[in-house]
Amino acid sequence: RRMPKNGGTLAMPKTEGLNYFLLYQMEKLNIEKAMWIGMHDKEGEYVWEDGTEVKPWGNMHFLNGWMGEDCVALHPSDGKWHDYMCSGSRIFESDRLPYICQYTLKDDNLTDGNGAQADLDE
């Protein structure tokens, strides 16, 4: 994947709003397959790819599978997070899943090309 080289990570929907945004984009683009997100449960607790703990928000949608299924994908059909084996599973061999990336913008002043400007808050 090119994400790490370009400063990106798998998307981390840490808020309910961002999770719904991702689902909306998947629907808008007619994506029917689940997509990998930046979460895992390698040690029995869910952790974001950046190492931060997954904190509950709203009505979180986890569907926990079998032991050893440590990688997580967002399903557009039900809006839930499902965990899968990270490698050696059917998903990687015959039914590869796409993934959602996120990037941090380096410039905190954005313009729309017409002179309008917006400041980004961290």
Protein backbone atom coordinates (compact mmCIF):
# COMPACT_ATOMS: atom_id res chain seq x y z
CA ARG A 1 0.00 0.00 0.00
CA ARG A 2 1.08 3.56 -0.64
CA MET A 3 -0.50 5.07 2.47
CA PRO A 4 2.50 5.00 4.85
CA LYS A 5 4.83 6.41 2.19
CA ASN A 6 2.47 9.32 1.66
CA GLY A 7 1.84 9.94 5.38
CA GLY A 8 -1.53 8.22 5.52
CA THR A 9 -3.10 5.49 7.63
CA LEU A 10 -6.15 3.32 7.43
CA ALA A 11 -9.19 5.46 8.31
CA MET A 12 -9.94 5.63 12.03
CA PRO A 13 -13.63 6.54 12.53
CA LYS A 14 -13.17 7.68 16.12
CA THR A 15 -16.50 9.51 16.18
CA GLU A 16 -20.00 8.52 15.23
CA GLY A 17 -20.09 11.38 12.72
CA LEU A 18 -16.96 10.18 10.94
CA ASN A 19 -18.27 6.61 10.87
CA TYR A 20 -21.52 7.81 9.25
CA PHE A 21 -19.49 9.94 6.82
CA LEU A 22 -17.54 6.86 5.71
CA LEU A 23 -20.76 4.86 5.32
CA TYR A 24 -22.30 7.71 3.30
CA GLN A 25 -19.27 7.84 0.99
CA MET A 26 -19.37 4.07 0.53
CA GLU A 27 -23.06 4.28 -0.41
CA LYS A 28 -22.46 7.24 -2.72
CA LEU A 29 -19.71 5.30 -4.53
CA ASN A 30 -21.81 2.09 -4.67
CA ILE A 31 -19.28 0.16 -2.58
CA GLU A 32 -20.91 -3.05 -1.43
CA LYS A 33 -17.88 -4.82 0.05
CA ALA A 34 -16.64 -4.24 3.56
CA MET A 35 -13.58 -1.99 3.77
CA TRP A 36 -10.61 -2.24 6.11
CA ILE A 37 -10.36 0.48 8.76
CA GLY A 38 -7.49 1.29 11.12
CA MET A 39 -8.53 -0.74 14.14
CA HIS A 40 -7.41 -4.07 15.60
CA ASP A 41 -7.97 -6.19 18.69
CA LYS A 42 -4.69 -8.10 18.82
CA GLU A 43 -4.52 -8.16 22.60
CA GLY A 44 -8.22 -8.67 23.24
CA GLU A 45 -9.04 -4.96 23.36
CA TYR A 46 -9.77 -2.70 20.44
CA VAL A 47 -7.00 -0.22 19.54
CA TRP A 48 -6.77 2.31 16.71
CA GLU A 49 -3.89 2.07 14.26
CA ASP A 50 -2.28 5.12 15.89
CA GLY A 51 -2.11 3.20 19.20
CA THR A 52 -4.95 5.02 20.96
CA GLU A 53 -7.68 3.11 22.76
CA VAL A 54 -11.07 2.77 21.06
CA LYS A 55 -13.44 4.73 23.29
CA PRO A 56 -17.16 3.95 23.05
CA TRP A 57 -19.41 6.51 21.40
CA GLY A 58 -23.11 6.41 20.65
CA ASN A 59 -24.28 2.96 19.67
CA MET A 60 -20.99 1.38 18.60
CA HIS A 61 -21.42 -1.48 16.18
CA PHE A 62 -18.94 -4.30 16.90
CA LEU A 63 -19.38 -7.81 15.61
CA ASN A 64 -16.64 -9.87 17.22
CA GLY A 65 -15.70 -13.09 15.47
CA TRP A 66 -13.42 -15.99 16.22
CA MET A 67 -10.18 -15.97 18.16
CA GLY A 68 -7.32 -14.70 16.00
CA GLU A 69 -9.52 -12.35 13.98
CA ASP A 70 -7.68 -9.14 14.76
CA CYS A 71 -8.26 -6.79 11.81
CA VAL A 72 -11.47 -4.79 11.42
CA ALA A 73 -13.58 -3.87 8.38
CA LEU A 74 -16.59 -1.55 8.10
CA HIS A 75 -19.60 -3.17 6.38
CA PRO A 76 -21.82 -0.85 4.33
CA SER A 77 -24.77 -3.27 4.44
CA ASP A 78 -25.26 -3.07 8.21
CA GLY A 79 -22.93 -0.22 9.26
CA LYS A 80 -21.13 -2.51 11.70
CA TRP A 81 -17.47 -3.25 12.34
CA HIS A 82 -16.57 -6.89 11.77
CA ASP A 83 -13.25 -8.45 12.67
CA TYR A 84 -11.34 -10.84 10.40
CA MET A 85 -8.03 -12.62 10.31
CA CYS A 86 -5.38 -10.19 9.12
CA SER A 87 -3.67 -12.70 6.82
CA GLY A 88 -4.07 -16.19 5.50
CA SER A 89 -7.84 -15.91 5.37
CA ARG A 90 -10.24 -16.28 2.47
CA ILE A 91 -10.54 -12.50 2.36
CA PHE A 92 -6.91 -12.07 1.40
CA GLU A 93 -6.79 -14.99 -1.01
CA SER A 94 -9.95 -14.83 -3.09
CA ASP A 95 -12.06 -11.93 -1.91
CA ARG A 96 -9.67 -9.08 -1.15
CA LEU A 97 -11.25 -6.15 0.62
CA PRO A 98 -10.54 -2.55 -0.30
CA TYR A 99 -9.43 -0.11 2.37
CA ILE A 100 -10.18 3.45 3.39
CA CYS A 101 -7.27 5.86 3.91
CA GLN A 102 -6.98 9.05 5.87
CA TYR A 103 -4.33 11.74 5.66
CA THR A 104 -3.44 14.67 7.88
CA LEU A 105 -3.43 17.96 6.03
CA LYS A 106 -0.12 19.73 6.51
CA ASP A 107 -1.40 23.24 5.72
CA ASP A 108 -3.88 24.55 8.27
CA ASN A 109 -4.99 27.37 5.96
CA LEU A 110 -7.14 26.21 3.07
CA THR A 111 -8.49 28.28 0.21
CA ASP A 112 -11.16 27.39 -2.30
CA GLY A 113 -9.40 29.01 -5.26
CA ASN A 114 -11.67 32.07 -5.09
CA GLY A 115 -9.91 33.66 -2.14
CA ALA A 116 -12.16 32.18 0.56
CA GLN A 117 -10.10 30.78 3.40
CA ALA A 118 -10.74 28.35 6.25
CA ASP A 119 -8.61 27.53 9.28
CA LEU A 120 -8.50 23.95 10.50
CA ASP A 121 -8.66 23.31 14.23
CA GLU A 122 -6.79 20.34 15.65
